[in-house]
Amino acid sequence: MILRLQIPIPSITTNPLNTLKSHLSLPAAATTSTDSGLKFRQKLIYLQSLNVNPTKALNENPTLRSVPLSTLYSVTHCLFSMGLESSALGRILDMYPLLLTSDPYSDIYPIFDFLLHTVEIPFPEIRKSIIRCPRLLVSDPETQLKPTFEFLTQLGFTGPNKLTSQTTLLLVSSVEFTLIPKIEYLVELGFEYDEVRNMVLRSPGLLTFSIENNYKPKVVYFLNEMNGDLEEIKKFPQYFSYSLERKIKPRNRMLMEHGFSMHLSDMLKVSDGEFRARLIEMQLQLVEDRQ
């Protein structure tokens, strides 16, 4: 059987070429639509392969819908080149979906360059800095990282105290709204500025703790319930790194029940088992002293 196509005969006023274009354009549009849908599905599959939630990523970064898949490839290649493993990569991209459409050469590599050459983090350690604080990847080197680095350098984070992969998370802190208020709070407690400076250099985590949720309740408990002397905190600033409810209060109560006392470091640095063993030793010693 011979199929005959019913092609409309154009009127005298109709341009035959335009008519032909209109017929030929329909399959092309359908193909374009199909290709677009396929490419979008490929992006979704790729995001899922990275363990990135596609719904969350698209909501937080709508631009993701229109960029080519090659953009995602270039971002992941950039992060892989700095030593990040697939598991860490997926977690970071899921946390910060805006990274998925960033330009590696203008947005990401400058951050690695800053960590490598300005902060002088050894190349093998950069991945540790990023894994510990992924927010570094969405912080501008000039407006955020550099001012904070200069402040920390002036504070004393140089030489043997210079920033490491463990402390580069401090770089994402605001000097004005985060670092200075914490230093001022410790000074207001009664410490000299140089004492606070030494405390911070010995225990950099002090600059990451919340004044309202960490410092204040622990200071109140230390002074009112433990009858503590601030000199002890100066000697052992790591006090603020321990949980008030899970460690400080329970151990202090146990000591008070038996009428004992310990230096903060002796009370907190040991494991639960070793703490109980020390408590038993103190009880036995007390019995011997009474005999």
Protein backbone atom coordinates (compact mmCIF):
# COMPACT_ATOMS: atom_id res chain seq x y z
CA MET A 1 0.00 0.00 0.00
CA ILE A 2 1.30 3.44 -0.85
CA LEU A 3 0.73 6.08 1.84
CA ARG A 4 0.01 9.49 0.48
CA LEU A 5 0.79 12.53 2.64
CA GLN A 6 -1.88 15.21 2.58
CA ILE A 7 0.20 18.37 2.20
CA PRO A 8 -1.93 21.53 1.99
CA ILE A 9 -1.55 23.50 -1.20
CA PRO A 10 -0.56 27.06 -0.34
CA SER A 11 -2.66 29.90 -1.63
CA ILE A 12 -1.20 32.50 -3.92
CA THR A 13 -0.60 34.81 -0.93
CA THR A 14 1.19 32.11 1.07
CA ASN A 15 4.97 31.79 0.92
CA PRO A 16 5.69 28.08 0.18
CA LEU A 17 8.99 28.25 2.04
CA ASN A 18 7.31 29.42 5.24
CA THR A 19 4.78 26.62 4.96
CA LEU A 20 7.57 24.05 4.60
CA LYS A 21 9.38 25.50 7.65
CA SER A 22 6.25 25.24 9.76
CA HIS A 23 5.90 21.54 8.96
CA LEU A 24 9.55 20.78 9.57
CA SER A 25 9.75 22.72 12.84
CA LEU A 26 7.26 20.54 14.72
CA PRO A 27 9.44 17.41 14.97
CA ALA A 28 12.46 19.61 15.87
CA ALA A 29 10.58 21.23 18.76
CA ALA A 30 9.45 17.85 19.99
CA THR A 31 13.02 16.56 19.80
CA THR A 32 14.33 19.60 21.68
CA SER A 33 11.73 19.08 24.41
CA THR A 34 12.63 15.41 24.67
CA ASP A 35 16.35 16.19 24.83
CA SER A 36 15.76 18.83 27.50
CA GLY A 37 13.78 16.39 29.64
CA LEU A 38 16.44 13.71 29.20
CA LYS A 39 19.23 16.09 30.20
CA PHE A 40 17.27 17.18 33.27
CA ARG A 41 16.75 13.56 34.31
CA GLN A 42 20.47 12.94 33.82
CA LYS A 43 21.18 15.77 36.25
CA LEU A 44 18.81 14.30 38.81
CA ILE A 45 20.43 10.88 38.48
CA TYR A 46 23.87 12.43 38.84
CA LEU A 47 22.84 14.31 41.98
CA GLN A 48 21.44 11.11 43.46
CA SER A 49 24.68 9.29 42.64
CA LEU A 50 26.48 11.92 44.74
CA ASN A 51 23.97 11.42 47.59
CA VAL A 52 22.68 14.95 47.06
CA ASN A 53 18.95 15.45 47.65
CA PRO A 54 17.70 16.74 44.24
CA THR A 55 14.55 18.34 45.67
CA LYS A 56 16.47 20.27 48.30
CA ALA A 57 19.18 21.23 45.81
CA LEU A 58 16.68 22.58 43.27
CA ASN A 59 14.76 24.50 45.93
CA GLU A 60 17.87 26.16 47.31
CA ASN A 61 19.54 26.65 43.94
CA PRO A 62 16.94 27.13 41.15
CA THR A 63 19.74 27.91 38.68
CA LEU A 64 20.52 24.22 38.80
CA ARG A 65 17.59 23.59 36.46
CA SER A 66 19.14 25.45 33.55
CA VAL A 67 22.89 24.78 33.80
CA PRO A 68 24.35 21.95 31.70
CA LEU A 69 25.46 18.73 33.32
CA SER A 70 29.03 19.65 32.43
CA THR A 71 28.87 22.43 35.06
CA LEU A 72 28.25 19.85 37.77
CA TYR A 73 31.05 17.69 36.40
CA SER A 74 33.52 20.59 36.56
CA VAL A 75 32.61 21.36 40.19
CA THR A 76 32.97 17.77 41.34
CA HIS A 77 36.22 17.37 39.39
CA CYS A 78 37.57 20.50 41.10
CA LEU A 79 36.72 19.16 44.56
CA PHE A 80 38.04 15.69 43.74
CA SER A 81 41.32 17.26 42.64
CA MET A 82 41.78 18.63 46.16
CA GLY A 83 41.54 15.16 47.66
CA LEU A 84 37.90 15.06 48.76
CA GLU A 85 36.37 11.58 48.77
CA SER A 86 32.96 10.82 47.24
CA SER A 87 31.27 10.49 50.64
CA ALA A 88 32.55 13.87 51.83
CA LEU A 89 31.81 15.46 48.47
CA GLY A 90 28.16 14.42 48.54
CA ARG A 91 27.69 15.63 52.11
CA ILE A 92 29.22 19.03 51.32
CA LEU A 93 27.24 19.56 48.10
CA ASP A 94 24.05 18.55 49.90
CA MET A 95 24.78 21.12 52.61
CA TYR A 96 25.64 23.88 50.13
CA PRO A 97 23.79 23.28 46.81
CA LEU A 98 24.90 26.69 45.52
CA LEU A 99 28.32 25.13 44.99
CA LEU A 100 26.84 22.95 42.24
CA THR A 101 26.54 25.90 39.84
CA SER A 102 29.67 27.77 40.90
CA ASP A 103 32.61 28.47 38.62
CA PRO A 104 35.60 26.48 39.91
CA TYR A 105 38.13 28.98 38.58
CA SER A 106 36.51 32.12 40.00
CA ASP A 107 34.75 30.70 43.07
CA ILE A 108 36.50 27.57 44.41
CA TYR A 109 40.14 27.50 43.34
CA PRO A 110 40.79 30.97 44.89
CA ILE A 111 39.73 29.52 48.25
CA PHE A 112 42.14 26.61 47.90
CA ASP A 113 44.84 29.05 46.85
CA PHE A 114 44.20 31.19 49.93
CA LEU A 115 44.42 28.20 52.27
CA LEU A 116 47.53 26.88 50.55
CA HIS A 117 49.57 30.06 50.12
CA THR A 118 48.24 32.62 52.60
CA VAL A 119 47.28 30.43 55.55
CA GLU A 120 50.01 27.97 54.52
CA ILE A 121 48.03 24.81 55.09
CA PRO A 122 49.96 21.88 53.53
CA PHE A 123 48.22 20.51 50.44
CA PRO A 124 47.41 17.08 51.99
CA GLU A 125 45.77 18.89 54.92
CA ILE A 126 43.45 21.09 52.86
CA ARG A 127 40.89 18.31 52.45
CA LYS A 128 40.81 18.00 56.26
CA SER A 129 40.14 21.73 56.58
CA ILE A 130 37.25 21.48 54.11
CA ILE A 131 35.75 18.35 55.65
CA ARG A 132 35.95 19.91 59.12
CA CYS A 133 34.40 23.18 57.91
CA PRO A 134 32.65 22.95 54.50
CA ARG A 135 31.51 26.53 54.95
CA LEU A 136 34.98 27.58 53.85
CA LEU A 137 33.92 26.74 50.28
CA VAL A 138 31.17 29.38 50.31
CA SER A 139 33.23 32.10 52.03
CA ASP A 140 34.76 34.87 49.94
CA PRO A 141 38.56 34.98 50.38
CA GLU A 142 38.82 38.77 50.18
CA THR A 143 35.81 39.93 52.20
CA GLN A 144 35.55 37.08 54.73
CA LEU A 145 38.60 34.86 55.04
CA LYS A 146 41.36 37.45 54.70
CA PRO A 147 40.10 39.94 57.36
CA THR A 148 39.57 37.12 59.85
CA PHE A 149 42.98 35.63 59.08
CA GLU A 150 44.65 38.99 59.69
CA PHE A 151 42.81 39.41 63.01
CA LEU A 152 43.77 35.91 64.17
CA THR A 153 47.38 36.54 63.15
CA GLN A 154 47.45 39.70 65.28
CA LEU A 155 45.89 37.74 68.13
CA GLY A 156 48.84 35.35 68.08
CA PHE A 157 47.98 32.54 65.70
CA THR A 158 51.46 32.53 64.18
CA GLY A 159 54.58 30.38 64.44
CA PRO A 160 53.92 27.36 66.66
CA ASN A 161 50.34 28.61 67.17
CA LYS A 162 49.55 29.15 63.49
CA LEU A 163 46.29 27.88 62.05
CA THR A 164 46.11 24.21 61.12
CA SER A 165 43.51 22.03 59.42
CA GLN A 166 41.95 21.67 62.89
CA THR A 167 41.55 25.41 63.44
CA THR A 168 40.89 26.86 59.97
CA LEU A 169 37.17 26.74 60.84
CA LEU A 170 37.86 29.97 62.75
CA LEU A 171 38.30 31.72 59.39
CA VAL A 172 34.56 31.68 58.68
CA SER A 173 33.82 33.63 61.88
CA SER A 174 32.96 37.31 61.78
CA VAL A 175 35.60 39.42 63.51
CA GLU A 176 33.08 42.07 64.54
CA PHE A 177 30.12 39.91 65.53
CA THR A 178 31.73 36.67 66.71
CA LEU A 179 35.39 36.83 67.68
CA ILE A 180 35.65 40.23 69.38
CA PRO A 181 32.46 39.78 71.51
CA LYS A 182 33.80 36.47 72.90
CA ILE A 183 37.15 37.96 73.77
CA GLU A 184 35.43 40.94 75.40
CA TYR A 185 33.17 38.64 77.43
CA LEU A 186 36.16 36.78 78.88
CA VAL A 187 37.88 40.08 79.70
CA GLU A 188 34.71 41.27 81.45
CA LEU A 189 34.82 38.16 83.65
CA GLY A 190 37.99 39.53 85.17
CA PHE A 191 40.76 38.16 82.98
CA GLU A 192 43.44 40.41 81.54
CA TYR A 193 43.55 40.69 77.75
CA ASP A 194 46.89 38.86 77.59
CA GLU A 195 45.46 36.09 79.78
CA VAL A 196 42.50 35.71 77.42
CA ARG A 197 44.86 35.71 74.47
CA ASN A 198 46.93 32.90 76.01
CA MET A 199 43.77 30.95 76.87
CA VAL A 200 42.53 31.21 73.30
CA LEU A 201 45.86 30.15 71.82
CA ARG A 202 45.95 27.12 74.13
CA SER A 203 42.32 26.26 73.42
CA PRO A 204 41.19 27.78 70.07
CA GLY A 205 37.78 26.20 70.51
CA LEU A 206 36.98 29.03 72.93
CA LEU A 207 36.36 31.22 69.90
CA THR A 208 33.68 28.84 68.59
CA PHE A 209 31.53 28.61 71.72
CA SER A 210 28.29 30.53 72.17
CA ILE A 211 28.30 33.18 74.89
CA GLU A 212 24.65 32.60 75.79
CA ASN A 213 24.52 28.81 75.45
CA ASN A 214 28.01 27.88 76.65
CA TYR A 215 29.98 30.53 78.48
CA LYS A 216 27.32 32.06 80.70
CA PRO A 217 25.69 28.90 82.10
CA LYS A 218 29.06 27.25 82.73
CA VAL A 219 30.49 30.33 84.42
CA VAL A 220 27.40 30.65 86.64
CA TYR A 221 27.58 26.98 87.63
CA PHE A 222 31.34 27.13 88.23
CA LEU A 223 31.12 30.20 90.48
CA ASN A 224 27.87 29.47 92.31
CA GLU A 225 27.66 25.68 92.57
CA MET A 226 31.33 24.71 92.51
CA ASN A 227 32.56 27.78 94.41
CA GLY A 228 35.31 27.90 91.80
CA ASP A 229 38.13 30.37 91.34
CA LEU A 230 38.58 31.92 87.89
CA GLU A 231 42.28 31.16 88.19
CA GLU A 232 41.38 27.52 87.58
CA ILE A 233 39.64 28.37 84.31
CA LYS A 234 42.68 30.39 83.30
CA LYS A 235 44.81 27.28 83.86
CA PHE A 236 42.27 24.96 82.25
CA PRO A 237 40.22 26.87 79.64
CA GLN A 238 39.18 23.54 78.14
CA TYR A 239 36.52 23.54 80.88
CA PHE A 240 34.19 25.23 78.41
CA SER A 241 34.53 22.37 75.92
CA TYR A 242 32.88 19.83 78.25
CA SER A 243 29.13 19.27 78.47
CA LEU A 244 27.59 20.95 81.48
CA GLU A 245 24.72 18.47 81.81
CA ARG A 246 26.47 15.25 80.82
CA LYS A 247 29.85 15.67 82.48
CA ILE A 248 30.45 18.77 84.63
CA LYS A 249 27.33 18.60 86.81
CA PRO A 250 27.27 14.81 87.37
CA ARG A 251 30.94 14.64 88.35
CA ASN A 252 30.74 17.67 90.59
CA ARG A 253 27.71 16.18 92.37
CA MET A 254 29.55 12.92 92.97
CA LEU A 255 32.46 14.79 94.50
CA MET A 256 30.17 16.90 96.68
CA GLU A 257 28.28 13.84 97.92
CA HIS A 258 31.54 12.48 99.33
CA GLY A 259 32.92 15.82 100.41
CA PHE A 260 35.76 15.70 97.90
CA SER A 261 37.18 18.23 95.48
CA MET A 262 39.41 18.02 92.42
CA HIS A 263 41.14 20.42 90.08
CA LEU A 264 39.10 20.98 86.92
CA SER A 265 41.59 19.15 84.74
CA ASP A 266 41.64 16.11 87.05
CA MET A 267 37.86 16.08 87.25
CA LEU A 268 37.12 16.38 83.52
CA LYS A 269 39.99 15.04 81.40
CA VAL A 270 39.66 11.39 82.46
CA SER A 271 37.13 8.81 81.28
CA ASP A 272 34.09 7.89 83.37
CA GLY A 273 35.75 4.66 84.47
CA GLU A 274 38.95 6.40 85.54
CA PHE A 275 37.00 9.10 87.34
CA ARG A 276 35.11 6.49 89.38
CA ALA A 277 38.38 4.69 90.11
CA ARG A 278 39.90 7.91 91.43
CA LEU A 279 36.81 8.52 93.52
CA ILE A 280 37.14 5.05 95.09
CA GLU A 281 40.83 5.67 95.77
CA MET A 282 39.94 8.92 97.53
CA GLN A 283 37.32 7.10 99.63
CA LEU A 284 39.81 4.37 100.60
CA GLN A 285 42.41 6.97 101.45
CA LEU A 286 39.87 8.76 103.62
CA VAL A 287 39.14 5.52 105.51
CA GLU A 288 42.86 4.89 106.06
CA ASP A 289 43.39 8.43 107.33
CA ARG A 290 40.62 7.97 109.89
CA GLN A 291 42.13 4.75 111.32
